Amino acid sequence: MKNKSLIVLATSLAFGLALSSGATSVAFAQSATNIVVGADTTFPPFETETNGEVTGFDIDMIKAIAKAEGMTVTLKTLPFNGIIPSLQAGSIDAAVAGITIKTSRMQNVEFSDAYYKSGLSVLVKQDSEIKGFDDLKGHVVATKKATSSVDYLTGHGFAPDYIKQFQSIDAAYQALETGGADAVIFDNPVNVNFMTAHKDTKTVGPLLTGEYYGIAISKQKPELVEKINDGLAKIKQSGEYQKLFQTYFGGDTSGVVNDVQKPSAVAISG
């Protein structure tokens, strides 16, 4: 009888431990940090949306960073000019959208270490006589709203009447193709991406700026900055970061940031 009682007790204890272990596993899974990441999907090849699926360099990168840090990602698409206000309001935790690290933006959001080196370029039609930025005076230039391209144009004395600002860069390219604009000034990798698919266009002149992209992070989540930077370092070390350049830029590594570039060191004014 005592042996039978001991067996029942041991069985109960084992069952209880199993339940406890299972509950711990469930609790651990539920405690995995989920971050809401904003993305502007009109910025190929960094972000684009096809049939409801959001893809791109930035998307794969932030997912890889999150995985390296034991986090999950929920994507929230929104216009580029809504990203900073959404981060300030706390409706998103972070954002990827080829966001140039700028001193003015650093007043409102945190930034990760830089992950891409870019610059602005001038895109025109193949038959255009425009040979560079200095030839643009008196011509209509199209670009995307609330970007460093607008800052560059206004900073170089362009009147508002000569700057056509669009909600998406695709609309700016459409203006160029249909004669509504004489040129597009925008981030070089995006201009090159468009030029590759549209042989009637070309880039002219040297890059106008040297600038870096960073992941924007809500100031309400300061602990997230370190985690994202750690994750970025991990995917660089594993080679995942480098593979993204093969996938999205055909192996062009001109935008690779090999060493750690802190936002304060690379931020441009404006």
C-alpha atoms as a PDB file:
ATOM      1  CA  MET A   1       0.000   0.000   0.000  1.00  0.00           C
ATOM      2  CA  LYS A   2       2.821   2.353   0.881  1.00  0.00           C
ATOM      3  CA  ASN A   3       4.583   1.478  -2.396  1.00  0.00           C
ATOM      4  CA  LYS A   4       1.373   2.232  -4.319  1.00  0.00           C
ATOM      5  CA  SER A   5       1.021   5.568  -2.541  1.00  0.00           C
ATOM      6  CA  LEU A   6       4.621   6.443  -3.330  1.00  0.00           C
ATOM      7  CA  ILE A   7       4.071   5.631  -6.983  1.00  0.00           C
ATOM      8  CA  VAL A   8       0.970   7.850  -7.116  1.00  0.00           C
ATOM      9  CA  LEU A   9       2.871  10.677  -5.380  1.00  0.00           C
ATOM     10  CA  ALA A  10       5.829  10.388  -7.732  1.00  0.00           C
ATOM     11  CA  THR A  11       3.517  10.383 -10.743  1.00  0.00           C
ATOM     12  CA  SER A  12       1.719  13.470  -9.478  1.00  0.00           C
ATOM     13  CA  LEU A  13       4.992  15.274  -8.880  1.00  0.00           C
ATOM     14  CA  ALA A  14       6.262  14.373 -12.349  1.00  0.00           C
ATOM     15  CA  PHE A  15       3.003  15.564 -13.928  1.00  0.00           C
ATOM     16  CA  GLY A  16       3.171  18.775 -11.929  1.00  0.00           C
ATOM     17  CA  LEU A  17       6.748  19.413 -13.020  1.00  0.00           C
ATOM     18  CA  ALA A  18       5.789  18.773 -16.629  1.00  0.00           C
ATOM     19  CA  LEU A  19       2.954  21.281 -16.385  1.00  0.00           C
ATOM     20  CA  SER A  20       5.258  23.791 -14.732  1.00  0.00           C
ATOM     21  CA  SER A  21       7.881  23.304 -17.422  1.00  0.00           C
ATOM     22  CA  GLY A  22       5.259  23.695 -20.138  1.00  0.00           C
ATOM     23  CA  ALA A  23       3.905  26.838 -18.540  1.00  0.00           C
ATOM     24  CA  THR A  24       7.422  28.238 -18.319  1.00  0.00           C
ATOM     25  CA  SER A  25       7.998  27.525 -22.017  1.00  0.00           C
ATOM     26  CA  VAL A  26       4.729  29.224 -22.948  1.00  0.00           C
ATOM     27  CA  ALA A  27       5.529  32.201 -20.735  1.00  0.00           C
ATOM     28  CA  PHE A  28       8.965  32.482 -22.319  1.00  0.00           C
ATOM     29  CA  ALA A  29       7.481  32.387 -25.811  1.00  0.00           C
ATOM     30  CA  GLN A  30       4.908  35.010 -24.857  1.00  0.00           C
ATOM     31  CA  SER A  31       7.568  37.236 -23.344  1.00  0.00           C
ATOM     32  CA  ALA A  32       9.546  37.482 -26.611  1.00  0.00           C
ATOM     33  CA  THR A  33       9.647  41.204 -27.435  1.00  0.00           C
ATOM     34  CA  ASN A  34       7.583  42.266 -30.413  1.00  0.00           C
ATOM     35  CA  ILE A  35       8.481  45.574 -32.020  1.00  0.00           C
ATOM     36  CA  VAL A  36       6.195  47.541 -34.311  1.00  0.00           C
ATOM     37  CA  VAL A  37       8.246  48.815 -37.240  1.00  0.00           C
ATOM     38  CA  GLY A  38       7.003  51.494 -39.601  1.00  0.00           C
ATOM     39  CA  ALA A  39       7.909  51.314 -43.280  1.00  0.00           C
ATOM     40  CA  ASP A  40       7.258  53.534 -46.278  1.00  0.00           C
ATOM     41  CA  THR A  41       6.781  51.077 -49.144  1.00  0.00           C
ATOM     42  CA  THR A  42       7.477  53.541 -51.971  1.00  0.00           C
ATOM     43  CA  PHE A  43      11.250  53.302 -51.764  1.00  0.00           C
ATOM     44  CA  PRO A  44      12.475  50.323 -53.840  1.00  0.00           C
ATOM     45  CA  PRO A  45      14.657  48.359 -53.467  1.00  0.00           C
ATOM     46  CA  PHE A  46      14.703  49.217 -49.745  1.00  0.00           C
ATOM     47  CA  GLU A  47      10.935  48.880 -49.296  1.00  0.00           C
ATOM     48  CA  THR A  48       8.189  47.982 -51.719  1.00  0.00           C
ATOM     49  CA  GLU A  49       4.765  46.357 -51.550  1.00  0.00           C
ATOM     50  CA  THR A  50       3.334  43.927 -54.075  1.00  0.00           C
ATOM     51  CA  ASN A  51      -0.066  42.279 -53.611  1.00  0.00           C
ATOM     52  CA  GLY A  52      -0.006  43.179 -49.941  1.00  0.00           C
ATOM     53  CA  GLU A  53       3.456  41.714 -49.323  1.00  0.00           C
ATOM     54  CA  VAL A  54       6.111  44.125 -48.046  1.00  0.00           C
ATOM     55  CA  THR A  55       9.650  43.263 -49.134  1.00  0.00           C
ATOM     56  CA  GLY A  56      13.017  44.932 -49.603  1.00  0.00           C
ATOM     57  CA  PHE A  57      16.521  45.390 -48.242  1.00  0.00           C
ATOM     58  CA  ASP A  58      15.385  47.244 -45.123  1.00  0.00           C
ATOM     59  CA  ILE A  59      12.614  44.744 -44.410  1.00  0.00           C
ATOM     60  CA  ASP A  60      14.887  41.708 -44.577  1.00  0.00           C
ATOM     61  CA  MET A  61      17.505  43.550 -42.539  1.00  0.00           C
ATOM     62  CA  ILE A  62      15.232  44.575 -39.642  1.00  0.00           C
ATOM     63  CA  LYS A  63      13.767  41.065 -39.486  1.00  0.00           C
ATOM     64  CA  ALA A  64      17.265  39.563 -39.341  1.00  0.00           C
ATOM     65  CA  ILE A  65      18.282  42.042 -36.620  1.00  0.00           C
ATOM     66  CA  ALA A  66      15.165  41.237 -34.602  1.00  0.00           C
ATOM     67  CA  LYS A  67      15.738  37.495 -34.921  1.00  0.00           C
ATOM     68  CA  ALA A  68      19.353  37.882 -33.772  1.00  0.00           C
ATOM     69  CA  GLU A  69      18.080  39.658 -30.654  1.00  0.00           C
ATOM     70  CA  GLY A  70      15.191  37.285 -29.907  1.00  0.00           C
ATOM     71  CA  MET A  71      12.543  39.758 -31.050  1.00  0.00           C
ATOM     72  CA  THR A  72       9.674  39.594 -33.508  1.00  0.00           C
ATOM     73  CA  VAL A  73       8.529  42.281 -35.946  1.00  0.00           C
ATOM     74  CA  THR A  74       5.103  43.627 -36.807  1.00  0.00           C
ATOM     75  CA  LEU A  75       5.213  45.873 -39.872  1.00  0.00           C
ATOM     76  CA  LYS A  76       3.075  48.984 -40.191  1.00  0.00           C
ATOM     77  CA  THR A  77       3.081  50.781 -43.539  1.00  0.00           C
ATOM     78  CA  LEU A  78       2.695  54.558 -43.620  1.00  0.00           C
ATOM     79  CA  PRO A  79       3.792  57.564 -45.717  1.00  0.00           C
ATOM     80  CA  PHE A  80       7.340  58.794 -45.223  1.00  0.00           C
ATOM     81  CA  ASN A  81       6.243  62.120 -43.762  1.00  0.00           C
ATOM     82  CA  GLY A  82       4.209  60.245 -41.141  1.00  0.00           C
ATOM     83  CA  ILE A  83       7.161  58.265 -39.774  1.00  0.00           C
ATOM     84  CA  ILE A  84       8.668  60.817 -37.370  1.00  0.00           C
ATOM     85  CA  PRO A  85       5.265  61.877 -35.928  1.00  0.00           C
ATOM     86  CA  SER A  86       4.345  58.200 -35.419  1.00  0.00           C
ATOM     87  CA  LEU A  87       7.603  57.544 -33.577  1.00  0.00           C
ATOM     88  CA  GLN A  88       7.006  60.604 -31.402  1.00  0.00           C
ATOM     89  CA  ALA A  89       3.457  59.489 -30.648  1.00  0.00           C
ATOM     90  CA  GLY A  90       4.652  55.991 -29.748  1.00  0.00           C
ATOM     91  CA  SER A  91       2.387  54.263 -32.282  1.00  0.00           C
ATOM     92  CA  ILE A  92       5.478  52.575 -33.740  1.00  0.00           C
ATOM     93  CA  ASP A  93       8.705  51.565 -31.993  1.00  0.00           C
ATOM     94  CA  ALA A  94      11.105  51.895 -34.916  1.00  0.00           C
ATOM     95  CA  ALA A  95      11.100  52.641 -38.632  1.00  0.00           C
ATOM     96  CA  VAL A  96      12.976  51.655 -41.771  1.00  0.00           C
ATOM     97  CA  ALA A  97      12.573  53.724 -44.928  1.00  0.00           C
ATOM     98  CA  GLY A  98      16.053  54.638 -46.123  1.00  0.00           C
ATOM     99  CA  ILE A  99      15.991  57.372 -43.480  1.00  0.00           C
ATOM    100  CA  THR A 100      18.936  59.742 -43.717  1.00  0.00           C
ATOM    101  CA  ILE A 101      20.520  60.487 -40.354  1.00  0.00           C
ATOM    102  CA  LYS A 102      20.048  64.242 -39.917  1.00  0.00           C
ATOM    103  CA  THR A 103      20.656  66.549 -36.972  1.00  0.00           C
ATOM    104  CA  SER A 104      17.086  67.870 -37.119  1.00  0.00           C
ATOM    105  CA  ARG A 105      15.650  64.355 -36.992  1.00  0.00           C
ATOM    106  CA  MET A 106      17.899  63.427 -34.079  1.00  0.00           C
ATOM    107  CA  GLN A 107      16.080  66.029 -31.992  1.00  0.00           C
ATOM    108  CA  ASN A 108      12.878  63.986 -32.323  1.00  0.00           C
ATOM    109  CA  VAL A 109      13.980  60.343 -32.646  1.00  0.00           C
ATOM    110  CA  GLU A 110      16.911  58.089 -31.847  1.00  0.00           C
ATOM    111  CA  PHE A 111      18.953  56.438 -34.582  1.00  0.00           C
ATOM    112  CA  SER A 112      20.773  53.139 -34.817  1.00  0.00           C
ATOM    113  CA  ASP A 113      24.328  52.952 -36.063  1.00  0.00           C
ATOM    114  CA  ALA A 114      24.457  53.695 -39.794  1.00  0.00           C
ATOM    115  CA  TYR A 115      23.779  50.709 -42.061  1.00  0.00           C
ATOM    116  CA  TYR A 116      23.938  52.199 -45.593  1.00  0.00           C
ATOM    117  CA  LYS A 117      26.047  54.906 -47.238  1.00  0.00           C
ATOM    118  CA  SER A 118      24.144  56.831 -49.874  1.00  0.00           C
ATOM    119  CA  GLY A 119      24.003  60.191 -51.616  1.00  0.00           C
ATOM    120  CA  LEU A 120      21.770  62.219 -53.893  1.00  0.00           C
ATOM    121  CA  SER A 121      22.040  62.001 -57.672  1.00  0.00           C
ATOM    122  CA  VAL A 122      20.402  63.689 -60.667  1.00  0.00           C
ATOM    123  CA  LEU A 123      18.283  61.550 -62.999  1.00  0.00           C
ATOM    124  CA  VAL A 124      17.237  62.836 -66.435  1.00  0.00           C
ATOM    125  CA  LYS A 125      15.975  61.513 -69.771  1.00  0.00           C
ATOM    126  CA  GLN A 126      18.578  60.091 -72.137  1.00  0.00           C
ATOM    127  CA  ASP A 127      18.116  62.959 -74.611  1.00  0.00           C
ATOM    128  CA  SER A 128      18.400  65.672 -71.960  1.00  0.00           C
ATOM    129  CA  GLU A 129      21.082  68.354 -72.281  1.00  0.00           C
ATOM    130  CA  ILE A 130      21.372  68.561 -68.492  1.00  0.00           C
ATOM    131  CA  LYS A 131      24.840  67.345 -67.521  1.00  0.00           C
ATOM    132  CA  GLY A 132      24.753  67.922 -63.780  1.00  0.00           C
ATOM    133  CA  PHE A 133      23.258  69.859 -60.889  1.00  0.00           C
ATOM    134  CA  ASP A 134      24.592  73.219 -62.099  1.00  0.00           C
ATOM    135  CA  ASP A 135      22.473  72.913 -65.247  1.00  0.00           C
ATOM    136  CA  LEU A 136      19.211  72.548 -63.307  1.00  0.00           C
ATOM    137  CA  LYS A 137      18.550  76.238 -62.626  1.00  0.00           C
ATOM    138  CA  GLY A 138      15.413  77.242 -64.501  1.00  0.00           C
ATOM    139  CA  HIS A 139      14.270  73.620 -64.814  1.00  0.00           C
ATOM    140  CA  VAL A 140      11.536  71.809 -62.899  1.00  0.00           C
ATOM    141  CA  VAL A 141      12.890  69.146 -60.553  1.00  0.00           C
ATOM    142  CA  ALA A 142      10.737  66.372 -59.107  1.00  0.00           C
ATOM    143  CA  THR A 143      11.356  64.567 -55.837  1.00  0.00           C
ATOM    144  CA  LYS A 144       9.655  63.042 -52.817  1.00  0.00           C
ATOM    145  CA  LYS A 145       8.105  65.069 -49.993  1.00  0.00           C
ATOM    146  CA  ALA A 146       9.883  65.544 -46.659  1.00  0.00           C
ATOM    147  CA  THR A 147      13.210  64.095 -47.839  1.00  0.00           C
ATOM    148  CA  SER A 148      16.774  65.374 -47.842  1.00  0.00           C
ATOM    149  CA  SER A 149      16.359  66.022 -51.586  1.00  0.00           C
ATOM    150  CA  VAL A 150      13.928  68.841 -50.792  1.00  0.00           C
ATOM    151  CA  ASP A 151      16.345  70.252 -48.208  1.00  0.00           C
ATOM    152  CA  TYR A 152      19.165  70.168 -50.741  1.00  0.00           C
ATOM    153  CA  LEU A 153      17.160  71.979 -53.411  1.00  0.00           C
ATOM    154  CA  THR A 154      15.825  74.693 -51.108  1.00  0.00           C
ATOM    155  CA  GLY A 155      19.269  75.065 -49.540  1.00  0.00           C
ATOM    156  CA  HIS A 156      20.691  75.766 -52.987  1.00  0.00           C
ATOM    157  CA  GLY A 157      18.205  78.493 -53.791  1.00  0.00           C
ATOM    158  CA  PHE A 158      15.560  76.645 -55.765  1.00  0.00           C
ATOM    159  CA  ALA A 159      12.212  78.440 -55.699  1.00  0.00           C
ATOM    160  CA  PRO A 160       9.167  76.352 -54.681  1.00  0.00           C
ATOM    161  CA  ASP A 161       7.701  76.742 -58.181  1.00  0.00           C
ATOM    162  CA  TYR A 162      10.614  74.723 -59.568  1.00  0.00           C
ATOM    163  CA  ILE A 163      10.359  71.885 -57.050  1.00  0.00           C
ATOM    164  CA  LYS A 164       7.602  69.328 -57.615  1.00  0.00           C
ATOM    165  CA  GLN A 165       7.100  67.285 -54.448  1.00  0.00           C
ATOM    166  CA  PHE A 166       5.246  63.981 -54.534  1.00  0.00           C
ATOM    167  CA  GLN A 167       4.028  61.578 -51.875  1.00  0.00           C
ATOM    168  CA  SER A 168       5.881  58.732 -53.609  1.00  0.00           C
ATOM    169  CA  ILE A 169       9.072  58.656 -55.641  1.00  0.00           C
ATOM    170  CA  ASP A 170       7.223  56.647 -58.308  1.00  0.00           C
ATOM    171  CA  ALA A 171       5.041  59.694 -58.961  1.00  0.00           C
ATOM    172  CA  ALA A 172       8.176  61.839 -59.344  1.00  0.00           C
ATOM    173  CA  TYR A 173       9.588  59.382 -61.885  1.00  0.00           C
ATOM    174  CA  GLN A 174       6.261  59.427 -63.717  1.00  0.00           C
ATOM    175  CA  ALA A 175       6.500  63.235 -63.940  1.00  0.00           C
ATOM    176  CA  LEU A 176       9.938  62.879 -65.516  1.00  0.00           C
ATOM    177  CA  GLU A 177       8.729  60.280 -68.018  1.00  0.00           C
ATOM    178  CA  THR A 178       5.677  62.316 -69.070  1.00  0.00           C
ATOM    179  CA  GLY A 179       7.453  65.682 -69.345  1.00  0.00           C
ATOM    180  CA  GLY A 180       6.052  67.132 -66.140  1.00  0.00           C
ATOM    181  CA  ALA A 181       9.590  67.534 -64.783  1.00  0.00           C
ATOM    182  CA  ASP A 182      13.027  67.901 -66.343  1.00  0.00           C
ATOM    183  CA  ALA A 183      14.910  65.931 -63.698  1.00  0.00           C
ATOM    184  CA  VAL A 184      14.569  63.939 -60.505  1.00  0.00           C
ATOM    185  CA  ILE A 185      16.886  64.418 -57.542  1.00  0.00           C
ATOM    186  CA  PHE A 186      16.766  61.536 -55.112  1.00  0.00           C
ATOM    187  CA  ASP A 187      18.807  58.893 -53.326  1.00  0.00           C
ATOM    188  CA  ASN A 188      21.260  57.386 -55.780  1.00  0.00           C
ATOM    189  CA  PRO A 189      20.511  53.665 -55.179  1.00  0.00           C
ATOM    190  CA  VAL A 190      16.828  54.296 -55.892  1.00  0.00           C
ATOM    191  CA  ASN A 191      17.622  56.361 -59.000  1.00  0.00           C
ATOM    192  CA  VAL A 192      19.938  53.607 -60.222  1.00  0.00           C
ATOM    193  CA  ASN A 193      17.240  51.014 -59.542  1.00  0.00           C
ATOM    194  CA  PHE A 194      14.798  53.007 -61.700  1.00  0.00           C
ATOM    195  CA  MET A 195      17.375  53.669 -64.426  1.00  0.00           C
ATOM    196  CA  THR A 196      18.172  49.954 -64.706  1.00  0.00           C
ATOM    197  CA  ALA A 197      14.535  49.232 -65.538  1.00  0.00           C
ATOM    198  CA  HIS A 198      14.039  52.333 -67.723  1.00  0.00           C
ATOM    199  CA  LYS A 199      16.723  52.606 -70.388  1.00  0.00           C
ATOM    200  CA  ASP A 200      15.431  56.011 -71.508  1.00  0.00           C
ATOM    201  CA  THR A 201      16.871  57.603 -68.359  1.00  0.00           C
ATOM    202  CA  LYS A 202      20.374  58.266 -67.028  1.00  0.00           C
ATOM    203  CA  THR A 203      22.112  59.764 -64.015  1.00  0.00           C
ATOM    204  CA  VAL A 204      24.368  62.755 -64.630  1.00  0.00           C
ATOM    205  CA  GLY A 205      27.133  64.440 -62.667  1.00  0.00           C
ATOM    206  CA  PRO A 206      28.730  63.327 -59.398  1.00  0.00           C
ATOM    207  CA  LEU A 207      26.845  62.454 -56.207  1.00  0.00           C
ATOM    208  CA  LEU A 208      25.612  65.650 -54.576  1.00  0.00           C
ATOM    209  CA  THR A 209      25.931  64.511 -50.972  1.00  0.00           C
ATOM    210  CA  GLY A 210      27.359  61.797 -48.827  1.00  0.00           C
ATOM    211  CA  GLU A 211      24.802  60.606 -46.311  1.00  0.00           C
ATOM    212  CA  TYR A 212      24.032  57.589 -44.164  1.00  0.00           C
ATOM    213  CA  TYR A 213      20.817  55.710 -43.483  1.00  0.00           C
ATOM    214  CA  GLY A 214      19.895  54.611 -39.980  1.00  0.00           C
ATOM    215  CA  ILE A 215      17.001  52.828 -38.300  1.00  0.00           C
ATOM    216  CA  ALA A 216      14.861  55.455 -36.562  1.00  0.00           C
ATOM    217  CA  ILE A 217      13.767  54.544 -33.028  1.00  0.00           C
ATOM    218  CA  SER A 218      11.254  56.134 -30.685  1.00  0.00           C
ATOM    219  CA  LYS A 219      12.795  58.157 -27.856  1.00  0.00           C
ATOM    220  CA  GLN A 220      10.278  56.359 -25.646  1.00  0.00           C
ATOM    221  CA  LYS A 221      12.223  53.120 -26.254  1.00  0.00           C
ATOM    222  CA  PRO A 222      15.863  53.998 -25.463  1.00  0.00           C
ATOM    223  CA  GLU A 223      16.632  50.359 -24.577  1.00  0.00           C
ATOM    224  CA  LEU A 224      15.792  49.393 -28.156  1.00  0.00           C
ATOM    225  CA  VAL A 225      18.729  51.355 -29.571  1.00  0.00           C
ATOM    226  CA  GLU A 226      21.290  49.039 -27.966  1.00  0.00           C
ATOM    227  CA  LYS A 227      19.407  45.900 -28.990  1.00  0.00           C
ATOM    228  CA  ILE A 228      19.126  47.002 -32.615  1.00  0.00           C
ATOM    229  CA  ASN A 229      22.796  48.017 -32.724  1.00  0.00           C
ATOM    230  CA  ASP A 230      23.777  44.656 -31.221  1.00  0.00           C
ATOM    231  CA  GLY A 231      21.621  42.850 -33.770  1.00  0.00           C
ATOM    232  CA  LEU A 232      23.123  44.842 -36.637  1.00  0.00           C
ATOM    233  CA  ALA A 233      26.618  43.914 -35.464  1.00  0.00           C
ATOM    234  CA  LYS A 234      25.596  40.258 -35.277  1.00  0.00           C
ATOM    235  CA  ILE A 235      24.238  40.070 -38.827  1.00  0.00           C
ATOM    236  CA  LYS A 236      27.376  41.792 -40.107  1.00  0.00           C
ATOM    237  CA  GLN A 237      29.482  39.183 -38.344  1.00  0.00           C
ATOM    238  CA  SER A 238      27.343  36.305 -39.644  1.00  0.00           C
ATOM    239  CA  GLY A 239      27.420  37.542 -43.239  1.00  0.00           C
ATOM    240  CA  GLU A 240      23.633  38.033 -43.485  1.00  0.00           C
ATOM    241  CA  TYR A 241      24.079  41.786 -43.923  1.00  0.00           C
ATOM    242  CA  GLN A 242      26.498  41.339 -46.836  1.00  0.00           C
ATOM    243  CA  LYS A 243      24.152  38.851 -48.552  1.00  0.00           C
ATOM    244  CA  LEU A 244      21.442  41.500 -48.702  1.00  0.00           C
ATOM    245  CA  PHE A 245      23.609  43.538 -51.085  1.00  0.00           C
ATOM    246  CA  GLN A 246      23.790  40.568 -53.414  1.00  0.00           C
ATOM    247  CA  THR A 247      20.026  40.064 -53.249  1.00  0.00           C
ATOM    248  CA  TYR A 248      18.944  43.667 -53.712  1.00  0.00           C
ATOM    249  CA  PHE A 249      21.851  45.439 -55.431  1.00  0.00           C
ATOM    250  CA  GLY A 250      23.292  42.697 -57.613  1.00  0.00           C
ATOM    251  CA  GLY A 251      26.436  42.580 -55.522  1.00  0.00           C
ATOM    252  CA  ASP A 252      27.099  46.343 -55.615  1.00  0.00           C
ATOM    253  CA  THR A 253      28.728  46.997 -52.241  1.00  0.00           C
ATOM    254  CA  SER A 254      29.216  50.768 -52.561  1.00  0.00           C
ATOM    255  CA  GLY A 255      26.659  51.298 -49.782  1.00  0.00           C
ATOM    256  CA  VAL A 256      28.183  48.820 -47.312  1.00  0.00           C
ATOM    257  CA  VAL A 257      29.087  50.236 -43.891  1.00  0.00           C
ATOM    258  CA  ASN A 258      31.723  47.848 -42.554  1.00  0.00           C
ATOM    259  CA  ASP A 259      32.724  49.657 -39.375  1.00  0.00           C
ATOM    260  CA  VAL A 260      30.555  51.193 -36.677  1.00  0.00           C
ATOM    261  CA  GLN A 261      29.349  54.656 -37.651  1.00  0.00           C
ATOM    262  CA  LYS A 262      27.561  56.385 -34.779  1.00  0.00           C
ATOM    263  CA  PRO A 263      24.704  58.758 -35.690  1.00  0.00           C
ATOM    264  CA  SER A 264      26.381  61.744 -34.067  1.00  0.00           C
ATOM    265  CA  ALA A 265      29.441  61.242 -36.265  1.00  0.00           C
ATOM    266  CA  VAL A 266      27.650  60.973 -39.625  1.00  0.00           C
ATOM    267  CA  ALA A 267      24.539  63.131 -39.237  1.00  0.00           C
ATOM    268  CA  ILE A 268      24.131  65.799 -41.887  1.00  0.00           C
ATOM    269  CA  SER A 269      22.710  69.205 -41.065  1.00  0.00           C
ATOM    270  CA  GLY A 270      19.171  70.059 -41.977  1.00  0.00           C
END
